[in-house]
Amino acid sequence: MKITIKAGGPLRDRIECNGAGENLLEMPEGSHVSDVFFALGLEFDAVRVIMKNGRALQSDEALSDGDRLGMFPRELAFNTMTAISFFNPLARKEKAGES
C-alpha cells in the first residue's frame, strides 16, 4: 500500500522529501504508524506530533492505502497544534446571537 508522508521543519532534512516536504512511501499491508518510523529510519523521539488524514493520533493506528501522515518535530509541535485548533471549523463557529 502507498501512504504519503508530510514532514515538517527539520524532519524534511532527515528523510527524503520533495520540495513540499512530502514523500510517497510503499508499506506492506497491515502496517501501523510505528512501522513508518522504522521504514524512514527515524527514532520515536524525533517526532512529537503525528497526524493521520488531518487528525492528531493518540495511539499506534493501522494504516490503509492512500493514508496521509503528517509528522512534526518537537520544535514545531506547539505551532502545529495551535494552527490545527485555529483552523478547526468548530473553533471558529459563531455562538447564537453573535455576528
N, C-alpha and C. Protein backbone atom coordinates (compact mmCIF):
# COMPACT_ATOMS: atom_id res chain seq x y z
N MET A 1 0.84 -1.17 0.00
CA MET A 1 0.00 0.00 0.00
C MET A 1 0.89 1.24 0.00
N LYS A 2 0.35 2.33 -0.52
CA LYS A 2 1.11 3.57 -0.58
C LYS A 2 0.50 4.60 0.36
N ILE A 3 1.37 5.24 1.13
CA ILE A 3 0.95 6.32 2.00
C ILE A 3 1.82 7.55 1.71
N THR A 4 1.30 8.71 2.01
CA THR A 4 2.04 9.94 1.81
C THR A 4 2.49 10.45 3.17
N ILE A 5 3.77 10.80 3.27
CA ILE A 5 4.34 11.37 4.47
C ILE A 5 4.54 12.85 4.21
N LYS A 6 4.05 13.67 5.11
CA LYS A 6 4.27 15.12 5.07
C LYS A 6 5.13 15.45 6.29
N ALA A 7 6.37 15.85 6.05
CA ALA A 7 7.30 16.14 7.14
C ALA A 7 7.41 17.64 7.36
N GLY A 8 7.49 18.03 8.61
CA GLY A 8 7.62 19.43 8.95
C GLY A 8 9.00 19.77 9.47
N GLY A 9 9.44 20.98 9.19
CA GLY A 9 10.69 21.51 9.73
C GLY A 9 11.90 20.67 9.45
N PRO A 10 12.75 20.45 10.47
CA PRO A 10 13.99 19.71 10.29
C PRO A 10 13.82 18.26 9.87
N LEU A 11 12.62 17.71 10.04
CA LEU A 11 12.40 16.32 9.60
C LEU A 11 12.56 16.21 8.08
N ARG A 12 12.30 17.29 7.38
CA ARG A 12 12.46 17.27 5.91
C ARG A 12 13.89 16.96 5.51
N ASP A 13 14.85 17.36 6.35
CA ASP A 13 16.25 17.09 6.05
C ASP A 13 16.65 15.67 6.43
N ARG A 14 15.89 15.06 7.33
CA ARG A 14 16.24 13.72 7.81
C ARG A 14 15.66 12.60 6.96
N ILE A 15 14.58 12.90 6.22
CA ILE A 15 14.00 11.90 5.33
C ILE A 15 13.92 12.50 3.93
N GLU A 16 13.92 11.66 2.93
CA GLU A 16 13.87 12.13 1.56
C GLU A 16 12.49 12.69 1.25
N CYS A 17 12.43 13.99 0.90
CA CYS A 17 11.16 14.65 0.62
C CYS A 17 11.28 15.48 -0.65
N ASN A 18 10.13 15.73 -1.27
CA ASN A 18 10.14 16.66 -2.40
C ASN A 18 10.12 18.08 -1.87
N GLY A 19 9.99 19.07 -2.72
CA GLY A 19 10.03 20.47 -2.32
C GLY A 19 8.94 20.86 -1.36
N ALA A 20 7.82 20.13 -1.35
CA ALA A 20 6.71 20.44 -0.45
C ALA A 20 6.82 19.67 0.87
N GLY A 21 7.93 18.95 1.06
CA GLY A 21 8.11 18.19 2.29
C GLY A 21 7.35 16.89 2.30
N GLU A 22 7.01 16.36 1.12
CA GLU A 22 6.24 15.12 1.04
C GLU A 22 7.08 13.98 0.48
N ASN A 23 6.68 12.78 0.87
CA ASN A 23 7.36 11.57 0.43
C ASN A 23 6.29 10.49 0.28
N LEU A 24 6.28 9.81 -0.85
CA LEU A 24 5.38 8.69 -1.07
C LEU A 24 6.10 7.43 -0.62
N LEU A 25 5.49 6.70 0.28
CA LEU A 25 6.14 5.54 0.89
C LEU A 25 5.32 4.29 0.64
N GLU A 26 5.97 3.25 0.18
CA GLU A 26 5.34 1.95 -0.03
C GLU A 26 5.50 1.15 1.26
N MET A 27 4.38 0.70 1.82
CA MET A 27 4.38 -0.06 3.07
C MET A 27 3.62 -1.36 2.86
N PRO A 28 3.98 -2.43 3.58
CA PRO A 28 3.24 -3.68 3.48
C PRO A 28 1.82 -3.55 4.06
N GLU A 29 0.89 -4.31 3.53
CA GLU A 29 -0.46 -4.34 4.08
C GLU A 29 -0.38 -4.71 5.56
N GLY A 30 -1.24 -4.09 6.37
CA GLY A 30 -1.27 -4.37 7.79
C GLY A 30 -0.28 -3.55 8.61
N SER A 31 0.43 -2.61 7.96
CA SER A 31 1.39 -1.77 8.68
C SER A 31 0.68 -0.80 9.61
N HIS A 32 1.40 -0.40 10.64
CA HIS A 32 0.93 0.59 11.60
C HIS A 32 1.81 1.83 11.52
N VAL A 33 1.38 2.87 12.17
CA VAL A 33 2.13 4.12 12.17
C VAL A 33 3.56 3.90 12.66
N SER A 34 3.73 3.09 13.69
CA SER A 34 5.08 2.84 14.22
C SER A 34 6.00 2.22 13.18
N ASP A 35 5.46 1.44 12.25
CA ASP A 35 6.27 0.83 11.20
C ASP A 35 6.88 1.88 10.27
N VAL A 36 6.23 3.02 10.15
CA VAL A 36 6.74 4.10 9.29
C VAL A 36 8.05 4.63 9.86
N PHE A 37 8.17 4.71 11.18
CA PHE A 37 9.41 5.17 11.79
C PHE A 37 10.58 4.29 11.37
N PHE A 38 10.37 2.98 11.42
CA PHE A 38 11.43 2.04 11.03
C PHE A 38 11.75 2.19 9.54
N ALA A 39 10.72 2.32 8.71
CA ALA A 39 10.92 2.45 7.27
C ALA A 39 11.70 3.72 6.92
N LEU A 40 11.50 4.78 7.70
CA LEU A 40 12.17 6.06 7.44
C LEU A 40 13.48 6.21 8.21
N GLY A 41 13.77 5.27 9.10
CA GLY A 41 14.98 5.36 9.90
C GLY A 41 14.93 6.45 10.96
N LEU A 42 13.73 6.72 11.49
CA LEU A 42 13.55 7.76 12.50
C LEU A 42 13.42 7.15 13.89
N GLU A 43 13.97 7.85 14.88
CA GLU A 43 13.75 7.47 16.26
C GLU A 43 12.38 8.01 16.67
N PHE A 44 11.72 7.34 17.61
CA PHE A 44 10.39 7.77 18.04
C PHE A 44 10.40 9.17 18.64
N ASP A 45 11.49 9.53 19.33
CA ASP A 45 11.52 10.85 19.95
C ASP A 45 11.82 11.98 18.97
N ALA A 46 12.05 11.67 17.70
CA ALA A 46 12.29 12.71 16.69
C ALA A 46 10.99 13.39 16.27
N VAL A 47 9.86 12.74 16.56
CA VAL A 47 8.56 13.26 16.15
C VAL A 47 7.70 13.49 17.37
N ARG A 48 7.11 14.68 17.48
CA ARG A 48 6.27 15.00 18.63
C ARG A 48 4.79 14.92 18.30
N VAL A 49 4.41 15.37 17.10
CA VAL A 49 3.01 15.35 16.67
C VAL A 49 2.90 14.52 15.40
N ILE A 50 1.97 13.58 15.41
CA ILE A 50 1.68 12.76 14.23
C ILE A 50 0.20 12.92 13.92
N MET A 51 -0.07 13.20 12.67
CA MET A 51 -1.46 13.33 12.23
C MET A 51 -1.71 12.31 11.12
N LYS A 52 -2.88 11.71 11.19
CA LYS A 52 -3.28 10.77 10.14
C LYS A 52 -4.54 11.32 9.49
N ASN A 53 -4.44 11.62 8.22
CA ASN A 53 -5.56 12.16 7.46
C ASN A 53 -6.18 13.38 8.13
N GLY A 54 -5.32 14.26 8.66
CA GLY A 54 -5.78 15.53 9.19
C GLY A 54 -6.18 15.55 10.65
N ARG A 55 -6.01 14.45 11.37
CA ARG A 55 -6.34 14.47 12.79
C ARG A 55 -5.18 13.91 13.60
N ALA A 56 -4.98 14.49 14.78
CA ALA A 56 -3.88 14.07 15.64
C ALA A 56 -4.12 12.65 16.15
N LEU A 57 -3.05 11.87 16.19
CA LEU A 57 -3.14 10.49 16.68
C LEU A 57 -2.86 10.42 18.17
N GLN A 58 -3.53 9.52 18.83
CA GLN A 58 -3.31 9.27 20.24
C GLN A 58 -2.68 7.90 20.48
N SER A 59 -2.68 7.04 19.44
CA SER A 59 -2.14 5.70 19.61
C SER A 59 -1.59 5.20 18.27
N ASP A 60 -0.98 4.05 18.30
CA ASP A 60 -0.40 3.44 17.11
C ASP A 60 -1.51 2.80 16.28
N GLU A 61 -1.94 3.49 15.25
CA GLU A 61 -3.08 3.02 14.44
C GLU A 61 -2.61 2.27 13.20
N ALA A 62 -3.49 1.42 12.71
CA ALA A 62 -3.24 0.72 11.45
C ALA A 62 -3.35 1.71 10.30
N LEU A 63 -2.60 1.45 9.24
CA LEU A 63 -2.62 2.30 8.05
C LEU A 63 -3.40 1.63 6.93
N SER A 64 -3.95 2.45 6.05
CA SER A 64 -4.66 1.97 4.87
C SER A 64 -4.06 2.64 3.65
N ASP A 65 -4.23 2.00 2.51
CA ASP A 65 -3.74 2.57 1.26
C ASP A 65 -4.31 3.98 1.07
N GLY A 66 -3.45 4.93 0.73
CA GLY A 66 -3.87 6.30 0.49
C GLY A 66 -3.84 7.21 1.70
N ASP A 67 -3.53 6.66 2.89
CA ASP A 67 -3.46 7.50 4.09
C ASP A 67 -2.37 8.55 3.94
N ARG A 68 -2.56 9.66 4.66
CA ARG A 68 -1.57 10.74 4.72
C ARG A 68 -1.15 10.91 6.18
N LEU A 69 0.16 10.86 6.41
CA LEU A 69 0.70 11.06 7.75
C LEU A 69 1.47 12.37 7.78
N GLY A 70 1.10 13.25 8.69
CA GLY A 70 1.86 14.46 8.95
C GLY A 70 2.73 14.20 10.16
N MET A 71 4.02 14.50 10.05
CA MET A 71 4.96 14.25 11.14
C MET A 71 5.70 15.55 11.44
N PHE A 72 5.63 15.98 12.69
CA PHE A 72 6.21 17.25 13.08
C PHE A 72 7.11 17.07 14.28
N PRO A 73 8.31 17.69 14.26
CA PRO A 73 9.24 17.54 15.37
C PRO A 73 8.83 18.38 16.57
N ARG A 74 9.50 18.15 17.66
CA ARG A 74 9.22 18.82 18.93
C ARG A 74 9.19 20.34 18.77
N GLU A 75 10.14 20.90 18.01
CA GLU A 75 10.23 22.35 17.91
C GLU A 75 9.06 22.98 17.15
N LEU A 76 8.27 22.18 16.42
CA LEU A 76 7.10 22.69 15.72
C LEU A 76 5.78 22.22 16.34
N ALA A 77 5.85 21.42 17.38
CA ALA A 77 4.64 20.79 17.92
C ALA A 77 3.61 21.81 18.40
N PHE A 78 4.02 22.80 19.17
CA PHE A 78 3.06 23.77 19.70
C PHE A 78 2.42 24.55 18.56
N ASN A 79 3.22 25.03 17.62
CA ASN A 79 2.69 25.79 16.49
C ASN A 79 1.73 24.95 15.66
N THR A 80 2.05 23.69 15.48
CA THR A 80 1.20 22.80 14.69
C THR A 80 -0.15 22.61 15.37
N MET A 81 -0.15 22.31 16.65
CA MET A 81 -1.41 22.08 17.35
C MET A 81 -2.23 23.36 17.46
N THR A 82 -1.57 24.51 17.61
CA THR A 82 -2.28 25.78 17.65
C THR A 82 -2.96 26.04 16.31
N ALA A 83 -2.24 25.80 15.23
CA ALA A 83 -2.81 26.02 13.89
C ALA A 83 -3.98 25.08 13.64
N ILE A 84 -3.86 23.83 14.07
CA ILE A 84 -4.95 22.88 13.88
C ILE A 84 -6.19 23.37 14.61
N SER A 85 -6.02 23.83 15.84
CA SER A 85 -7.16 24.32 16.61
C SER A 85 -7.76 25.56 15.96
N PHE A 86 -6.92 26.43 15.44
CA PHE A 86 -7.40 27.66 14.83
C PHE A 86 -8.21 27.37 13.57
N PHE A 87 -7.74 26.41 12.77
CA PHE A 87 -8.41 26.12 11.51
C PHE A 87 -9.57 25.15 11.66
N ASN A 88 -9.77 24.60 12.84
CA ASN A 88 -10.89 23.71 13.09
C ASN A 88 -12.18 24.54 12.99
N PRO A 89 -13.13 24.15 12.13
CA PRO A 89 -14.34 24.94 11.98
C PRO A 89 -15.12 25.12 13.28
N LEU A 90 -15.05 24.16 14.18
CA LEU A 90 -15.77 24.28 15.44
C LEU A 90 -15.17 25.39 16.31
N ALA A 91 -13.86 25.63 16.17
CA ALA A 91 -13.21 26.67 16.96
C ALA A 91 -13.63 28.06 16.49
N ARG A 92 -14.08 28.18 15.24
CA ARG A 92 -14.46 29.47 14.69
C ARG A 92 -15.97 29.66 14.62
N LYS A 93 -16.72 28.66 15.03
CA LYS A 93 -18.17 28.73 14.92
C LYS A 93 -18.73 29.83 15.81
N GLU A 94 -19.57 30.65 15.23
CA GLU A 94 -20.15 31.75 15.99
C GLU A 94 -21.25 31.23 16.92
N LYS A 95 -21.34 31.83 18.07
CA LYS A 95 -22.40 31.47 19.01
C LYS A 95 -23.70 32.12 18.54
N ALA A 96 -24.80 31.52 18.88
CA ALA A 96 -26.11 32.06 18.51
C ALA A 96 -26.24 33.49 19.02
N GLY A 97 -26.66 34.40 18.16
CA GLY A 97 -26.87 35.77 18.55
C GLY A 97 -25.65 36.65 18.36
N GLU A 98 -24.45 36.06 18.06
CA GLU A 98 -23.25 36.86 17.81
C GLU A 98 -23.03 36.96 16.32
N SER A 99 -22.44 38.04 15.88
CA SER A 99 -22.14 38.16 14.46
C SER A 99 -20.72 38.60 14.24
